Protein backbone atom coordinates (compact mmCIF):
# COMPACT_ATOMS: atom_id res chain seq x y z
CA MET A 1 173.32 111.14 92.86
CA ALA A 2 172.77 114.11 95.16
CA GLU A 3 169.74 116.32 94.52
CA LYS A 4 170.53 119.56 92.69
CA LEU A 5 169.88 122.83 94.46
CA ARG A 6 168.17 125.56 92.43
CA VAL A 7 167.75 129.10 93.74
CA ASN A 8 165.93 132.07 92.10
CA PHE A 9 165.30 135.47 93.62
CA LEU A 10 161.84 137.03 93.67
CA LYS A 11 161.49 140.78 93.43
CA ASP A 12 157.83 141.06 94.53
CA ARG A 13 154.49 139.37 95.12
CA TYR A 14 153.62 139.50 91.45
CA THR A 15 156.76 137.49 90.54
CA LEU A 16 155.99 134.95 93.24
CA LEU A 17 152.42 134.48 91.99
CA LYS A 18 153.50 134.16 88.38
CA ARG A 19 156.02 131.41 89.22
CA TYR A 20 153.50 129.71 91.52
CA ALA A 21 150.85 129.65 88.79
CA THR A 22 153.25 127.78 86.55
CA GLN A 23 154.60 125.37 89.16
CA ILE A 24 151.22 124.44 90.60
CA ARG A 25 150.42 122.69 87.30
CA THR A 26 152.84 119.91 88.20
CA ALA A 27 151.94 119.64 91.91
CA GLU A 28 150.92 116.10 92.79
CA LYS A 29 150.17 115.90 96.52
CA GLU A 30 150.07 119.03 98.58
CA ILE A 31 150.47 122.78 98.53
CA ASN A 32 150.82 124.70 101.80
CA LEU A 33 150.79 128.46 101.87
CA ILE A 34 151.18 131.26 104.40
CA ILE A 35 149.95 134.33 102.57
CA SER A 36 148.52 137.76 103.23
CA GLY A 37 144.91 136.94 102.38
CA HIS A 38 144.63 139.47 99.54
CA GLU A 39 142.72 138.53 96.40
CA LEU A 40 144.61 136.23 94.03
CA PRO A 41 144.88 136.92 90.29
CA ALA A 42 142.35 134.95 88.22
CA GLU A 43 145.10 132.76 86.71
CA VAL A 44 146.32 131.68 90.16
CA TYR A 45 142.76 131.05 91.38
CA PHE A 46 142.05 128.94 88.29
CA GLU A 47 145.26 126.90 88.74
CA ASN A 48 144.34 126.31 92.39
CA LEU A 49 140.93 125.00 91.27
CA LYS A 50 142.50 122.66 88.74
CA ALA A 51 144.97 121.34 91.33
CA VAL A 52 142.15 120.62 93.83
CA LYS A 53 140.27 118.75 91.10
CA ARG A 54 143.43 116.66 90.43
CA GLY A 55 143.44 115.68 94.11
CA VAL A 56 146.12 118.09 95.36
CA LYS A 57 145.46 119.10 98.96
CA ILE A 58 145.80 122.89 99.38
CA ARG A 59 146.04 124.48 102.83
CA ILE A 60 146.33 128.22 103.36
CA ILE A 61 147.14 130.23 106.46
CA VAL A 62 146.04 133.87 105.92
CA GLN A 63 147.59 136.69 107.91
CA GLN A 64 144.59 138.97 107.46
CA PHE A 65 140.95 138.16 107.98
CA ASN A 66 138.48 141.02 107.78
CA ARG A 67 135.42 142.26 105.90
CA ALA A 68 137.56 143.10 102.83
CA ASN A 69 138.73 139.54 102.27
CA ARG A 70 135.96 137.49 103.91
CA ASP A 71 134.20 136.66 100.60
CA ILE A 72 137.51 135.80 98.89
CA ILE A 73 138.37 133.33 101.66
CA LYS A 74 134.89 131.87 101.56
CA SER A 75 135.25 131.23 97.80
CA TRP A 76 138.57 129.44 98.42
CA GLN A 77 136.93 127.23 100.99
CA GLU A 78 133.99 126.49 98.72
CA CYS A 79 136.32 125.07 96.08
CA GLY A 80 137.99 122.72 98.57
CA ILE A 81 140.89 124.75 99.96
CA GLU A 82 141.36 124.56 103.73
CA VAL A 83 141.93 128.01 105.20
CA ARG A 84 143.00 129.13 108.65
CA TYR A 85 143.94 132.49 110.16
CA LEU A 86 147.03 133.44 112.13
CA SER A 87 147.99 137.03 112.88
CA ALA A 88 150.88 138.39 110.81
CA ILE A 89 154.11 136.43 111.03
CA ASN A 90 155.76 138.71 108.39
CA VAL A 91 156.57 136.15 105.75
CA ARG A 92 154.85 134.62 102.76
CA LEU A 93 155.66 130.93 102.50
CA VAL A 94 154.69 128.59 99.65
CA LEU A 95 155.57 124.88 99.73
CA ILE A 96 154.83 122.74 96.70
CA ASP A 97 154.98 118.95 97.25
CA ARG A 98 157.67 119.50 99.89
CA LYS A 99 160.13 120.09 97.02
CA ILE A 100 159.83 123.76 96.11
CA VAL A 101 159.80 126.66 98.55
CA HIS A 102 158.97 130.31 97.92
CA MET A 103 159.65 132.74 100.77
CA LEU A 104 158.80 136.39 100.44
CA SER A 105 158.91 139.14 103.02
CA TYR A 106 155.55 140.41 104.17
CA ASP A 107 154.62 143.68 105.87
CA GLU A 108 150.98 144.43 106.61
CA LYS A 109 151.49 148.08 105.70
CA GLU A 110 153.11 147.13 102.35
CA GLY A 111 150.82 144.17 101.72
CA LEU A 112 151.54 143.64 97.99
CA SER A 113 155.27 144.20 98.03
CA GLY A 114 158.19 142.14 99.31
CA LEU A 115 161.45 140.51 98.33
CA GLY A 116 162.13 136.85 98.39
CA VAL A 117 163.68 133.65 97.17
CA GLU A 118 162.58 130.42 95.53
CA VAL A 119 164.49 127.34 96.52
CA ALA A 120 164.00 123.94 94.83
CA TYR A 121 165.64 121.51 97.19
CA ALA A 122 163.58 118.85 98.97
CA PRO A 123 165.64 118.72 102.23
CA PHE A 124 165.12 122.48 102.68
CA ALA A 125 161.44 122.25 101.79
CA GLU A 126 160.99 119.42 104.30
CA MET A 127 162.43 121.57 107.10
CA LEU A 128 160.07 124.45 106.22
CA ALA A 129 157.13 122.08 106.07
CA GLY A 130 157.67 121.70 109.83
CA VAL A 131 157.41 125.49 110.20
CA PHE A 132 154.13 125.44 108.24
CA GLU A 133 152.72 122.53 110.30
CA SER A 134 153.55 124.30 113.58
CA ASN A 135 151.77 127.41 112.43
CA TRP A 136 148.86 125.42 111.03
CA GLN A 137 148.25 123.92 114.46
CA LYS A 138 148.25 127.40 116.08
CA ALA A 139 146.05 129.01 113.39
CA LYS A 140 142.32 129.59 113.89
CA ASN A 141 140.02 127.47 111.73
CA LEU A 142 137.79 129.79 109.71
CA ARG A 143 135.23 127.21 108.73
CA ASP A 144 132.85 128.30 111.49
CA ASN A 145 132.95 131.94 110.38
CA PHE A 146 130.81 131.17 107.34
CA VAL A 147 128.02 129.04 108.77
């Protein structure tokens, strides 16, 4: 039987984070994110911690790295999340187990806004995993910035 396609529209960053906080609870292997680098709500941070403790590998590419978010990023790394930096590519991308994709527009000037879509369809997620991997290879490792 063919896999079912599910599509939902996201009206802003808040909606994306709310859906992500729910879906991360069932993540089994990996979560890859391209995000702004702004502070995450406590609920999202907590769910990320629980996922790492379950053995889920979380990798984040941030599009901003500065004094304002340096400590936030350091705390993510301390809990086992790999973080790299790549200058703004104007999209937020969330991939959960290569099955669910969230894509949201991103503009540095309007950092907390954006419109987007959630697509639950493994073939689509697999294609976008390649986009993430390509950007991950180009991104700067931030590990050395905290030594």
